Amino acid sequence: MDVPAHVRARLTALAPRPGPVLVAVSGGADSVALLVAAVEAGLDAAAAHLDHGLRGEESRRDAAFVASLCAELGVELSSASADVAAVARRRGWNLEDAARRVRYEFLHRVAKERSSGAIAVAHTRDDQAETLLLQALRGSALPAGMPERRGLVVRPLLDVEREALRRFLADRGRPWREDVTNLDTTRARAWLRLEVMPRLAERFPGAAGRLATTAAGLRDVRAALAGQADAVLGAGDLDVRALAAAPVAVQRFAVARLLRRHGAAVSHELVERALGAARAHAAGAAAGRDPGPWRASLGKDRFLMVGYGRVTVVARSRGRLQAPVTVSDAAELLRALARAGRRGALTAAAAAELLSRHGPLTLRHRAPGDRVRLPAGSKGLADLLVDRKVPRESRDALLVLAAGDEVVWVEGVPLAAPRQEGDERRMRLALERAREAAEAGEMPVGAAVVDAAGEVLAAARNRSEELGDLSAHAEVLALREAALRSGDRRLEGATLYVTLEPCPMCWGAVLQTRVARVVYGARNHREGALGGVMDLRHGAWKRRPAVVPGVLASEAGDLLSAFFAARR
């Protein structure tokens, strides 16, 4: 097997965006082979190595080996060390989970610093077979192994057997490091690798390859189920009636997806119990009775709940603040949230944006008479919590941020307009037009207009360069075409889908055409009129459309990043 050619082909196919490849190198045979193959293939590659601090001097020797290898290959290396055991104790994670999380946090940080187009990890066909078996044995709701790509992380060796990589290194006289923990059969993966897989191969030759093929097929099934779940159930919490009406396989996938979104462990037993409760609640609603909420503990002060017409993950009632806290900068706000046990409730960027928009804020619990300004107007906080189906027992413990008497942030409750069924599907039409714009040398922005009945009235792309018209933005062209097709310049009830947050000019066009909703993808940090640079949503407009941000934001952002990178 020509390993360098294979690595080049797979990385070319899998890399989510242009840029150098960051290869995760532990020092083991698989990662060393991946790095050597990438270099031999002529790829623009850098390496990253994390010392987990779990094996003392052996870990330090691994780090020294990787440093020497990179120097010999002429590859830039980013290295760091971490006390994974301390992280595991502090966060309540098991050691394996902590090592994985810390490692990927490190890799993504380095990738961002280097503007990497992909993070390449060296999982092989044998690793895929072991992963599928582990998932099945641990009761996964839908075992499917590892994906070839998830975000920036790509696995170009998933169809290559481990032994082929060792032959590749042996042919070149390349040594590697052996991790002695891989020989510890008290660990599940090592037991599978050393004791189970050889026995399977004796009885079923080629077992690893067949299991890897099965995993690939199951991932296709998962992708199909994901599409159906998105189309039927949307992307938020699950509506009980919609869930009960969906095919059983879609039901299972949707609940499993909800759990994963909240970082909870997924088991077949938990999924089936939740589905049983959801069906009981749907039947009760149809018969005019309420069975009452059903809950299952997820640990870490969270539970899965079926009730109030939905399936959701809810935090248990948390401690209350002793007194309101006034904050004036992002660091101060994040510290106050951490002291309240809400570490991670806001990102630093979101905290800074709130403070820059509203000035000093007060962190407190809700109070009678609280109101929230929404894109469509002001609303009582109590009514909003009912509308968003926040469980009664959780409402009083929620933290809010208030500017004077106006609440501007509510813990765990998005204040933007909710997404609707079909938003992602229609945004993909706008993304198609954005890709067409990129191919034509235009800034890759696309838009679509859909009427209240769900009919697509228009779809357009940026044409400023082509027409020599700076006003020929995708939104303006799509709105113009929609008005012509409908025979009415007022597009009341319609939704505008656009891949990039509209600029002030396009927001003006939106107001003139009276669309009901604006759904956008990526934030526009250069000219955005809906919070990216300025926020025109809250002007004294007679009519204000609802604004739904962040739909397929990563895909839209990747298009823009690739466009600007090519112009540098």
Protein backbone atom coordinates (compact mmCIF):
# COMPACT_ATOMS: atom_id res chain seq x y z
CA MET A 1 0.00 0.00 0.00
CA ASP A 2 1.26 3.48 -0.90
CA VAL A 3 0.63 5.10 2.49
CA PRO A 4 1.76 8.67 1.55
CA ALA A 5 -0.49 8.70 -1.54
CA HIS A 6 -3.40 7.41 0.53
CA VAL A 7 -2.86 10.05 3.22
CA ARG A 8 -2.66 12.82 0.62
CA ALA A 9 -5.89 11.66 -1.08
CA ARG A 10 -7.87 11.28 2.14
CA LEU A 11 -6.69 14.56 3.66
CA THR A 12 -7.52 16.38 0.43
CA ALA A 13 -11.01 14.90 0.55
CA LEU A 14 -11.62 15.34 4.27
CA ALA A 15 -10.04 18.70 5.20
CA PRO A 16 -12.94 21.04 6.05
CA ARG A 17 -11.10 24.19 4.97
CA PRO A 18 -7.84 25.33 3.30
CA GLY A 19 -4.70 25.58 5.40
CA PRO A 20 -1.85 23.49 6.77
CA VAL A 21 -2.58 20.13 8.38
CA LEU A 22 -1.96 19.77 12.10
CA VAL A 23 -0.96 16.16 12.87
CA ALA A 24 -1.52 14.91 16.41
CA VAL A 25 1.61 12.88 17.28
CA SER A 26 1.80 10.80 20.45
CA GLY A 27 5.00 9.01 19.46
CA GLY A 28 3.20 5.71 18.84
CA ALA A 29 3.52 3.85 15.54
CA ASP A 30 0.23 5.05 14.03
CA SER A 31 0.75 8.77 14.63
CA VAL A 32 4.42 8.59 13.60
CA ALA A 33 3.39 6.87 10.36
CA LEU A 34 0.77 9.54 9.70
CA LEU A 35 3.28 12.37 10.16
CA VAL A 36 5.99 10.70 8.05
CA ALA A 37 3.45 9.92 5.30
CA ALA A 38 2.16 13.51 5.31
CA VAL A 39 5.72 14.83 4.92
CA GLU A 40 6.55 12.34 2.15
CA ALA A 41 3.32 13.31 0.38
CA GLY A 42 4.53 16.92 0.27
CA LEU A 43 1.73 18.24 2.47
CA ASP A 44 2.06 21.45 4.45
CA ALA A 45 2.09 19.77 7.86
CA ALA A 46 2.83 20.75 11.45
CA ALA A 47 2.75 18.54 14.54
CA ALA A 48 1.27 18.80 18.03
CA HIS A 49 2.15 16.71 21.08
CA LEU A 50 0.60 16.79 24.56
CA ASP A 51 2.28 15.23 27.57
CA HIS A 52 -0.61 14.03 29.73
CA GLY A 53 1.60 13.73 32.80
CA LEU A 54 0.32 10.22 33.54
CA ARG A 55 3.46 8.08 33.06
CA GLY A 56 6.21 10.18 34.63
CA GLU A 57 9.56 9.78 32.94
CA GLU A 58 8.08 7.69 30.12
CA SER A 59 5.82 10.61 29.15
CA ARG A 60 8.82 12.94 29.06
CA ARG A 61 10.72 10.47 26.86
CA ASP A 62 7.76 10.34 24.47
CA ALA A 63 7.83 14.14 24.25
CA ALA A 64 11.59 14.14 23.59
CA PHE A 65 11.17 11.46 20.89
CA VAL A 66 8.48 13.48 19.11
CA ALA A 67 10.61 16.64 19.29
CA SER A 68 13.58 14.79 17.75
CA LEU A 69 11.40 13.27 15.02
CA CYS A 70 9.94 16.66 14.06
CA ALA A 71 13.38 18.26 13.97
CA GLU A 72 14.62 15.48 11.67
CA LEU A 73 11.61 15.85 9.36
CA GLY A 74 11.75 19.64 9.36
CA VAL A 75 8.25 19.89 10.85
CA GLU A 76 7.22 22.62 13.27
CA LEU A 77 6.10 21.21 16.61
CA SER A 78 3.72 22.65 19.19
CA SER A 79 4.02 20.84 22.51
CA ALA A 80 2.60 21.24 25.98
CA SER A 81 2.06 19.28 29.19
CA ALA A 82 -1.02 18.91 31.36
CA ASP A 83 -1.88 17.34 34.71
CA VAL A 84 -4.74 15.24 33.38
CA ALA A 85 -5.19 13.40 36.68
CA ALA A 86 -5.79 16.72 38.47
CA VAL A 87 -8.28 17.78 35.76
CA ALA A 88 -10.14 14.48 36.16
CA ARG A 89 -10.40 14.94 39.93
CA ARG A 90 -11.46 18.57 39.67
CA ARG A 91 -14.16 18.00 37.06
CA GLY A 92 -15.36 14.57 38.15
CA TRP A 93 -14.36 12.85 34.90
CA ASN A 94 -12.81 9.42 34.56
CA LEU A 95 -9.14 9.46 33.59
CA GLU A 96 -9.67 8.30 29.99
CA ASP A 97 -12.38 10.88 29.35
CA ALA A 98 -10.28 13.66 30.92
CA ALA A 99 -7.26 12.75 28.78
CA ARG A 100 -9.36 12.82 25.61
CA ARG A 101 -11.00 16.16 26.43
CA VAL A 102 -7.78 17.87 27.45
CA ARG A 103 -6.01 16.53 24.36
CA TYR A 104 -8.65 17.80 21.94
CA GLU A 105 -8.88 21.18 23.68
CA PHE A 106 -5.11 21.49 23.20
CA LEU A 107 -5.27 20.41 19.54
CA HIS A 108 -8.03 22.88 18.71
CA ARG A 109 -6.14 25.68 20.45
CA VAL A 110 -3.00 24.97 18.42
CA ALA A 111 -5.03 24.64 15.20
CA LYS A 112 -6.54 28.06 15.79
CA GLU A 113 -3.11 29.60 16.45
CA ARG A 114 -1.72 28.06 13.25
CA SER A 115 -4.82 28.65 11.08
CA SER A 116 -4.84 24.92 10.35
CA GLY A 117 -7.25 23.54 7.79
CA ALA A 118 -7.59 20.21 9.60
CA ILE A 119 -6.48 18.30 12.69
CA ALA A 120 -5.36 14.84 11.55
CA VAL A 121 -5.47 11.98 14.06
CA ALA A 122 -4.14 8.48 13.40
CA HIS A 123 -7.04 6.16 14.23
CA THR A 124 -6.88 3.02 12.07
CA ARG A 125 -9.26 0.38 10.80
CA ASP A 126 -8.40 -1.71 13.86
CA ASP A 127 -9.24 1.21 16.17
CA GLN A 128 -12.57 1.55 14.37
CA ALA A 129 -13.40 -2.13 14.93
CA GLU A 130 -12.50 -1.87 18.63
CA THR A 131 -14.56 1.31 19.03
CA LEU A 132 -17.64 -0.28 17.45
CA LEU A 133 -17.40 -3.27 19.80
CA LEU A 134 -16.88 -1.02 22.85
CA GLN A 135 -19.91 1.08 21.95
CA ALA A 136 -22.07 -2.02 21.51
CA LEU A 137 -20.85 -3.62 24.74
CA ARG A 138 -21.44 -0.41 26.70
CA GLY A 139 -25.04 -0.22 25.50
CA SER A 140 -24.82 2.63 23.00
CA ALA A 141 -28.20 3.47 21.52
CA LEU A 142 -26.75 3.36 17.99
CA PRO A 143 -23.10 2.21 17.83
CA ALA A 144 -21.40 3.48 14.68
CA GLY A 145 -17.70 3.82 15.48
CA MET A 146 -15.78 7.00 14.76
CA PRO A 147 -16.56 9.44 11.92
CA GLU A 148 -13.94 10.26 9.30
CA ARG A 149 -14.56 13.93 10.02
CA ARG A 150 -16.03 15.85 12.92
CA GLY A 151 -15.44 19.58 12.74
CA LEU A 152 -11.73 20.16 12.18
CA VAL A 153 -10.77 16.63 13.27
CA VAL A 154 -10.19 14.19 10.40
CA ARG A 155 -9.17 10.52 10.40
CA PRO A 156 -7.42 9.71 7.12
CA LEU A 157 -6.33 6.20 8.22
CA LEU A 158 -9.69 4.70 9.21
CA ASP A 159 -9.52 2.28 6.27
CA VAL A 160 -5.86 1.32 6.84
CA GLU A 161 -4.91 -1.65 9.03
CA ARG A 162 -2.50 -1.07 11.90
CA GLU A 163 -0.01 -3.63 10.60
CA ALA A 164 0.32 -1.83 7.25
CA LEU A 165 1.55 1.28 9.09
CA ARG A 166 4.15 -0.71 10.98
CA ARG A 167 5.44 -2.21 7.73
CA PHE A 168 5.58 1.31 6.28
CA LEU A 169 7.77 2.49 9.18
CA ALA A 170 9.92 -0.65 9.14
CA ASP A 171 10.66 -0.17 5.43
CA ARG A 172 12.05 3.28 6.28
CA GLY A 173 13.85 2.25 9.43
CA ARG A 174 11.67 4.55 11.50
CA PRO A 175 11.32 3.74 15.20
CA TRP A 176 8.38 4.60 17.39
CA ARG A 177 7.44 4.60 21.05
CA GLU A 178 5.33 1.97 22.79
CA ASP A 179 2.89 3.04 25.50
CA VAL A 180 3.00 0.36 28.19
CA THR A 181 -0.55 1.19 29.25
CA ASN A 182 -1.66 -0.32 25.92
CA LEU A 183 -0.61 -3.70 27.42
CA ASP A 184 -2.78 -3.27 30.52
CA THR A 185 -5.72 -5.62 29.92
CA THR A 186 -7.61 -4.18 32.88
CA ARG A 187 -8.38 -1.37 30.41
CA ALA A 188 -11.30 -2.26 28.15
CA ARG A 189 -9.69 -1.24 24.87
CA ALA A 190 -6.41 -3.05 25.61
CA TRP A 191 -8.39 -6.17 26.57
CA LEU A 192 -10.29 -6.06 23.29
CA ARG A 193 -7.11 -5.43 21.31
CA LEU A 194 -4.95 -8.12 22.93
CA GLU A 195 -7.41 -10.82 23.91
CA VAL A 196 -10.68 -10.51 22.01
CA MET A 197 -9.72 -9.36 18.51
CA PRO A 198 -7.07 -12.10 17.99
CA ARG A 199 -9.63 -14.76 18.97
CA LEU A 200 -12.21 -13.23 16.64
CA ALA A 201 -9.68 -13.19 13.80
CA GLU A 202 -8.98 -16.91 14.36
CA ARG A 203 -12.64 -17.77 13.92
CA PHE A 204 -13.54 -14.97 11.49
CA PRO A 205 -10.53 -13.96 9.36
CA GLY A 206 -10.70 -10.28 8.45
CA ALA A 207 -12.99 -9.54 11.40
CA ALA A 208 -11.52 -6.07 11.98
CA GLY A 209 -12.13 -5.06 8.38
CA ARG A 210 -15.70 -6.35 8.46
CA LEU A 211 -16.45 -4.51 11.69
CA ALA A 212 -15.00 -1.30 10.24
CA THR A 213 -17.19 -1.73 7.15
CA THR A 214 -20.20 -2.25 9.41
CA ALA A 215 -19.33 0.95 11.28
CA ALA A 216 -19.22 2.88 8.00
CA GLY A 217 -22.66 1.55 7.06
CA LEU A 218 -24.07 2.43 10.46
CA ARG A 219 -22.71 5.96 10.14
CA ASP A 220 -24.65 6.29 6.88
CA VAL A 221 -27.74 5.15 8.76
CA ARG A 222 -27.05 7.72 11.46
CA ALA A 223 -26.70 10.46 8.85
CA ALA A 224 -30.05 9.51 7.32
CA LEU A 225 -31.71 9.43 10.74
CA ALA A 226 -30.18 12.81 11.59
CA GLY A 227 -31.72 14.30 8.47
CA GLN A 228 -35.12 12.87 9.31
CA ALA A 229 -34.87 13.97 12.92
CA ASP A 230 -34.01 17.53 11.84
CA ALA A 231 -36.88 17.61 9.37
CA VAL A 232 -39.45 16.21 11.80
CA LEU A 233 -38.32 17.47 15.16
CA GLY A 234 -36.14 20.51 14.66
CA ALA A 235 -32.88 21.28 16.39
CA GLY A 236 -33.97 22.19 19.94
CA ASP A 237 -35.74 20.33 22.72
CA LEU A 238 -38.10 17.63 21.51
CA ASP A 239 -41.83 18.16 21.21
CA VAL A 240 -43.55 15.14 22.79
CA ARG A 241 -46.32 14.84 20.19
CA ALA A 242 -43.96 15.20 17.21
CA LEU A 243 -41.61 12.67 18.80
CA ALA A 244 -44.35 10.10 19.36
CA ALA A 245 -45.56 10.50 15.77
CA ALA A 246 -42.12 9.95 14.22
CA PRO A 247 -40.79 6.53 13.13
CA VAL A 248 -39.30 4.59 16.06
CA ALA A 249 -35.74 4.75 14.70
CA VAL A 250 -36.03 8.53 14.36
CA GLN A 251 -37.39 8.72 17.92
CA ARG A 252 -34.37 6.86 19.29
CA PHE A 253 -31.93 8.96 17.33
CA ALA A 254 -33.56 12.23 18.37
CA VAL A 255 -33.39 11.42 22.09
CA ALA A 256 -29.80 10.19 21.77
CA ARG A 257 -28.90 13.39 19.91
CA LEU A 258 -30.48 15.52 22.65
CA LEU A 259 -28.42 13.73 25.30
CA ARG A 260 -25.18 14.12 23.33
CA ARG A 261 -25.85 17.82 22.77
CA HIS A 262 -25.83 18.23 26.55
CA GLY A 263 -22.72 16.08 27.02
CA ALA A 264 -24.66 13.28 28.73
CA ALA A 265 -23.90 9.57 28.41
CA VAL A 266 -26.19 7.76 25.97
CA SER A 267 -27.41 4.25 26.69
CA HIS A 268 -30.06 2.13 25.01
CA GLU A 269 -31.85 1.66 28.35
CA LEU A 270 -32.09 5.41 29.07
CA VAL A 271 -33.31 6.18 25.54
CA GLU A 272 -36.03 3.51 25.73
CA ARG A 273 -37.19 4.70 29.18
CA ALA A 274 -37.42 8.28 27.90
CA LEU A 275 -39.35 7.17 24.83
CA GLY A 276 -41.78 5.20 26.97
CA ALA A 277 -42.42 8.30 29.05
CA ALA A 278 -42.80 10.48 25.93
CA ARG A 279 -45.36 8.11 24.42
CA ALA A 280 -47.29 8.06 27.69
CA HIS A 281 -47.33 11.86 27.79
CA ALA A 282 -48.44 12.10 24.15
CA ALA A 283 -51.26 9.63 24.80
CA GLY A 284 -52.23 11.51 27.96
CA ALA A 285 -52.34 14.82 26.12
CA ALA A 286 -54.55 13.30 23.43
CA ALA A 287 -56.91 12.00 26.15
CA GLY A 288 -56.95 15.29 28.04
CA ARG A 289 -54.90 14.17 31.05
CA ASP A 290 -51.38 14.99 32.27
CA PRO A 291 -49.30 12.11 33.68
CA GLY A 292 -46.93 14.59 35.36
CA PRO A 293 -43.22 15.08 34.70
CA TRP A 294 -40.91 12.05 34.33
CA ARG A 295 -37.25 12.43 35.24
CA ALA A 296 -34.05 10.41 35.01
CA SER A 297 -30.84 11.53 36.67
CA LEU A 298 -27.89 12.27 34.39
CA GLY A 299 -25.51 13.06 37.23
CA LYS A 300 -23.70 16.37 37.66
CA ASP A 301 -26.89 18.08 38.89
CA ARG A 302 -28.84 17.42 35.69
CA PHE A 303 -31.76 15.23 34.71
CA LEU A 304 -33.59 14.19 31.56
CA MET A 305 -37.20 15.29 31.84
CA VAL A 306 -40.35 14.44 29.92
CA GLY A 307 -43.13 16.89 30.76
CA TYR A 308 -44.78 20.17 29.84
CA GLY A 309 -45.09 18.88 26.27
CA ARG A 310 -41.39 18.33 25.64
CA VAL A 311 -38.32 16.18 26.27
CA THR A 312 -35.40 18.21 27.60
CA VAL A 313 -32.31 18.20 29.80
CA VAL A 314 -32.81 20.34 32.90
CA ALA A 315 -30.43 21.48 35.63
CA ARG A 316 -31.48 20.68 39.14
CA SER A 317 -32.40 23.57 41.35
CA ARG A 318 -29.17 25.35 42.09
CA GLY A 319 -28.04 27.51 44.95
CA ARG A 320 -29.28 31.07 45.02
CA LEU A 321 -27.21 34.23 45.09
CA GLN A 322 -27.00 35.84 48.48
CA ALA A 323 -27.33 39.27 46.90
CA PRO A 324 -27.33 40.84 43.41
CA VAL A 325 -23.89 41.54 41.91
CA THR A 326 -23.18 44.52 39.65
CA VAL A 327 -20.45 43.93 37.05
CA SER A 328 -18.82 46.25 34.54
CA ASP A 329 -16.36 44.06 32.63
CA ALA A 330 -16.36 40.54 31.15
CA ALA A 331 -13.77 39.05 33.51
CA GLU A 332 -15.72 40.30 36.52
CA LEU A 333 -18.94 38.82 35.12
CA LEU A 334 -17.36 35.42 34.45
CA ARG A 335 -15.92 35.35 37.99
CA ALA A 336 -19.34 36.16 39.44
CA LEU A 337 -20.93 33.34 37.42
CA ALA A 338 -18.22 30.93 38.57
CA ARG A 339 -18.79 31.85 42.23
CA ALA A 340 -22.49 31.16 41.68
CA GLY A 341 -21.69 27.69 40.33
CA ARG A 342 -22.46 28.67 36.74
CA ARG A 343 -18.99 28.34 35.24
CA GLY A 344 -19.39 28.13 31.45
CA ALA A 345 -22.87 29.68 31.38
CA LEU A 346 -21.45 32.48 29.20
CA THR A 347 -18.41 32.63 26.97
CA ALA A 348 -15.97 35.49 27.40
CA ALA A 349 -16.98 36.84 23.98
CA ALA A 350 -20.70 36.74 24.82
CA ALA A 351 -20.08 38.42 28.17
CA ALA A 352 -18.06 41.18 26.52
CA GLU A 353 -20.75 41.69 23.87
CA LEU A 354 -23.51 42.03 26.46
CA LEU A 355 -21.54 44.59 28.46
CA SER A 356 -20.49 46.60 25.41
CA ARG A 357 -24.11 46.76 24.26
CA HIS A 358 -25.79 47.50 27.60
CA GLY A 359 -23.13 48.88 29.96
CA PRO A 360 -22.85 47.71 33.60
CA LEU A 361 -25.16 44.80 34.37
CA THR A 362 -26.65 43.31 37.52
CA LEU A 363 -26.47 39.56 38.03
CA ARG A 364 -29.47 38.42 40.06
CA HIS A 365 -32.47 36.12 40.15
CA ARG A 366 -35.75 37.02 38.46
CA ALA A 367 -38.10 39.45 40.12
CA PRO A 368 -41.80 40.26 39.73
CA GLY A 369 -42.44 42.56 36.80
CA ASP A 370 -39.24 41.65 34.93
CA ARG A 371 -39.50 42.23 31.20
CA VAL A 372 -37.33 41.11 28.31
CA ARG A 373 -36.81 42.97 25.05
CA LEU A 374 -37.12 40.52 22.15
CA PRO A 375 -36.67 41.13 18.42
CA ALA A 376 -40.45 41.30 18.06
CA GLY A 377 -40.97 43.52 21.11
CA SER A 378 -41.07 43.51 24.93
CA LYS A 379 -42.41 40.53 26.89
CA GLY A 380 -42.81 39.66 30.55
CA LEU A 381 -40.08 37.30 31.75
CA ALA A 382 -42.62 35.06 33.50
CA ASP A 383 -44.56 34.69 30.23
CA LEU A 384 -41.34 34.01 28.30
CA LEU A 385 -40.37 31.19 30.67
CA VAL A 386 -43.81 29.65 30.20
CA ASP A 387 -43.56 30.03 26.41
CA ARG A 388 -40.11 28.41 26.39
CA LYS A 389 -41.48 25.63 28.64
CA VAL A 390 -38.91 26.11 31.38
CA PRO A 391 -39.97 23.74 34.21
CA ARG A 392 -41.61 25.49 37.16
CA GLU A 393 -39.14 24.03 39.62
CA SER A 394 -36.21 25.54 37.72
CA ARG A 395 -37.49 29.10 37.21
CA ASP A 396 -36.69 30.69 40.56
CA ALA A 397 -33.11 29.40 40.54
CA LEU A 398 -32.34 30.89 37.13
CA LEU A 399 -29.87 33.75 36.99
CA VAL A 400 -30.53 36.81 34.87
CA LEU A 401 -28.54 39.84 33.80
CA ALA A 402 -30.39 43.12 33.94
CA ALA A 403 -29.63 46.61 32.64
CA GLY A 404 -31.74 48.76 34.92
CA ASP A 405 -35.22 47.22 34.83
CA GLU A 406 -34.65 45.39 31.53
CA VAL A 407 -33.49 41.74 31.52
CA VAL A 408 -30.95 41.19 28.73
CA TRP A 409 -29.84 37.60 29.45
CA VAL A 410 -31.51 34.61 31.06
CA GLU A 411 -29.54 31.54 32.08
CA GLY A 412 -30.10 28.75 29.54
CA VAL A 413 -32.93 30.55 27.74
CA PRO A 414 -32.17 32.03 24.30
CA LEU A 415 -33.78 35.42 23.81
CA ALA A 416 -33.53 35.31 20.03
CA ALA A 417 -36.55 34.06 18.17
CA PRO A 418 -36.80 30.27 18.20
CA ARG A 419 -35.87 28.22 15.18
CA GLN A 420 -38.63 26.62 13.20
CA GLU A 421 -38.96 23.34 11.40
CA GLY A 422 -37.26 23.55 8.03
CA ASP A 423 -34.90 26.46 8.85
CA GLU A 424 -31.78 24.41 8.25
CA ARG A 425 -33.16 22.92 5.03
CA ARG A 426 -33.96 26.36 3.62
CA MET A 427 -30.65 27.78 4.77
CA ARG A 428 -28.96 25.09 2.68
CA LEU A 429 -30.60 26.64 -0.39
CA ALA A 430 -28.99 29.95 0.57
CA LEU A 431 -25.67 28.14 1.05
CA GLU A 432 -25.92 26.73 -2.49
CA ARG A 433 -26.19 30.29 -3.80
CA ALA A 434 -23.27 31.34 -1.59
CA ARG A 435 -21.11 28.61 -3.13
CA GLU A 436 -22.14 29.81 -6.60
CA ALA A 437 -21.05 33.32 -5.58
CA ALA A 438 -17.64 32.02 -4.49
CA GLU A 439 -17.19 30.21 -7.82
CA ALA A 440 -18.00 33.46 -9.62
CA GLY A 441 -15.39 35.38 -7.60
CA GLU A 442 -18.00 37.15 -5.48
CA MET A 443 -18.10 37.32 -1.71
CA PRO A 444 -19.85 34.02 -0.82
CA VAL A 445 -23.20 35.17 0.51
CA GLY A 446 -26.50 33.65 -0.54
CA ALA A 447 -30.11 34.34 0.37
CA ALA A 448 -33.56 32.84 -0.08
CA VAL A 449 -37.07 34.13 0.59
CA VAL A 450 -39.80 31.71 1.67
CA ASP A 451 -43.44 32.75 2.04
CA ALA A 452 -45.74 31.95 4.96
CA ALA A 453 -46.96 28.78 3.21
CA GLY A 454 -43.42 27.46 2.86
CA GLU A 455 -43.03 28.17 -0.86
CA VAL A 456 -39.63 29.42 -2.01
CA LEU A 457 -40.23 32.74 -3.72
CA ALA A 458 -36.63 33.58 -4.63
CA ALA A 459 -32.99 32.65 -4.12
CA ALA A 460 -30.03 34.85 -5.01
CA ARG A 461 -26.31 35.38 -4.49
CA ASN A 462 -24.04 38.38 -4.20
CA ARG A 463 -23.48 40.00 -7.62
CA SER A 464 -21.75 43.28 -6.70
CA GLU A 465 -18.63 42.59 -8.76
CA GLU A 466 -20.53 41.16 -11.72
CA LEU A 467 -22.97 44.07 -11.95
CA GLY A 468 -20.64 46.81 -10.70
CA ASP A 469 -23.34 47.62 -8.17
CA LEU A 470 -22.44 47.84 -4.49
CA SER A 471 -26.11 47.43 -3.57
CA ALA A 472 -26.35 44.04 -5.33
CA HIS A 473 -26.21 42.07 -2.10
CA ALA A 474 -27.83 38.65 -1.97
CA GLU A 475 -30.56 39.84 0.43
CA VAL A 476 -31.56 42.82 -1.73
CA LEU A 477 -31.65 40.74 -4.92
CA ALA A 478 -33.64 37.95 -3.27
CA LEU A 479 -36.17 40.36 -1.77
CA ARG A 480 -36.53 42.15 -5.11
CA GLU A 481 -37.13 38.89 -6.98
CA ALA A 482 -39.60 37.67 -4.33
CA ALA A 483 -41.60 40.90 -4.58
CA LEU A 484 -41.77 40.60 -8.37
CA ARG A 485 -42.86 36.98 -8.21
CA SER A 486 -45.50 37.54 -5.55
CA GLY A 487 -46.73 40.73 -7.21
CA ASP A 488 -46.52 42.60 -3.90
CA ARG A 489 -43.57 44.61 -2.60
CA ARG A 490 -44.74 43.82 0.91
CA LEU A 491 -43.65 40.30 1.81
CA GLU A 492 -45.62 40.03 5.04
CA GLY A 493 -45.35 36.61 6.70
CA ALA A 494 -42.26 35.69 4.65
CA THR A 495 -38.85 34.61 5.97
CA LEU A 496 -35.51 35.79 4.64
CA TYR A 497 -32.70 33.24 4.90
CA VAL A 498 -29.18 34.62 4.45
CA THR A 499 -25.82 33.00 5.11
CA LEU A 500 -24.26 36.14 6.64
CA GLU A 501 -25.71 38.62 9.15
CA PRO A 502 -27.21 41.50 7.10
CA CYS A 503 -25.52 44.88 6.84
CA PRO A 504 -27.41 48.15 7.58
CA MET A 505 -28.42 48.56 3.95
CA CYS A 506 -29.95 45.09 3.80
CA TRP A 507 -31.66 45.57 7.16
CA GLY A 508 -33.30 48.65 5.69
CA ALA A 509 -34.54 46.57 2.77
CA VAL A 510 -35.90 44.01 5.22
CA LEU A 511 -37.85 46.68 7.08
CA GLN A 512 -39.26 48.06 3.84
CA THR A 513 -40.49 44.68 2.63
CA ARG A 514 -42.02 43.77 6.02
CA VAL A 515 -40.77 40.17 6.16
CA ALA A 516 -41.73 38.39 9.38
CA ARG A 517 -38.43 36.65 10.13
CA VAL A 518 -34.74 36.98 9.29
CA VAL A 519 -32.71 33.80 9.69
CA TYR A 520 -28.98 34.17 9.23
CA GLY A 521 -25.90 31.97 9.48
CA ALA A 522 -22.50 33.49 10.31
CA ARG A 523 -21.96 36.63 12.34
CA ASN A 524 -20.80 39.64 10.26
CA HIS A 525 -18.00 41.23 12.28
CA ARG A 526 -17.29 43.83 9.59
CA GLU A 527 -20.70 45.29 8.77
CA GLY A 528 -23.28 43.35 10.79
CA ALA A 529 -26.36 45.34 11.73
CA LEU A 530 -27.89 42.82 14.12
CA GLY A 531 -25.20 42.74 16.77
CA GLY A 532 -22.03 42.02 14.76
CA VAL A 533 -20.91 45.68 14.64
CA MET A 534 -24.08 47.53 15.67
CA ASP A 535 -27.57 46.45 16.66
CA LEU A 536 -30.40 48.05 14.71
CA ARG A 537 -33.04 45.57 15.84
CA HIS A 538 -34.25 47.75 18.68
CA GLY A 539 -34.85 50.97 16.83
CA ALA A 540 -38.26 52.61 16.97
CA TRP A 541 -39.45 50.67 13.93
CA LYS A 542 -43.16 50.28 13.34
CA ARG A 543 -42.60 46.59 12.51
CA ARG A 544 -39.68 44.49 13.59
CA PRO A 545 -39.07 41.04 12.18
CA ALA A 546 -37.99 38.22 14.46
CA VAL A 547 -34.28 37.47 14.11
CA VAL A 548 -32.87 33.94 14.34
CA PRO A 549 -29.05 33.86 14.31
CA GLY A 550 -26.52 31.05 13.90
CA VAL A 551 -28.33 28.59 11.59
CA LEU A 552 -25.60 26.52 9.85
CA ALA A 553 -23.18 29.21 11.01
CA SER A 554 -20.10 26.99 10.78
CA GLU A 555 -20.75 26.05 7.15
CA ALA A 556 -21.39 29.67 6.20
CA GLY A 557 -18.31 30.78 8.14
CA ASP A 558 -16.12 28.15 6.47
CA LEU A 559 -17.13 29.47 3.04
CA LEU A 560 -16.19 33.00 4.04
CA SER A 561 -12.90 31.92 5.62
CA ALA A 562 -11.89 30.02 2.49
CA PHE A 563 -12.81 33.02 0.31
CA PHE A 564 -10.74 35.51 2.28
CA ALA A 565 -7.84 33.07 2.68
CA ALA A 566 -7.65 32.67 -1.11
CA ARG A 567 -7.45 36.45 -1.53
CA ARG A 568 -4.54 36.94 0.87
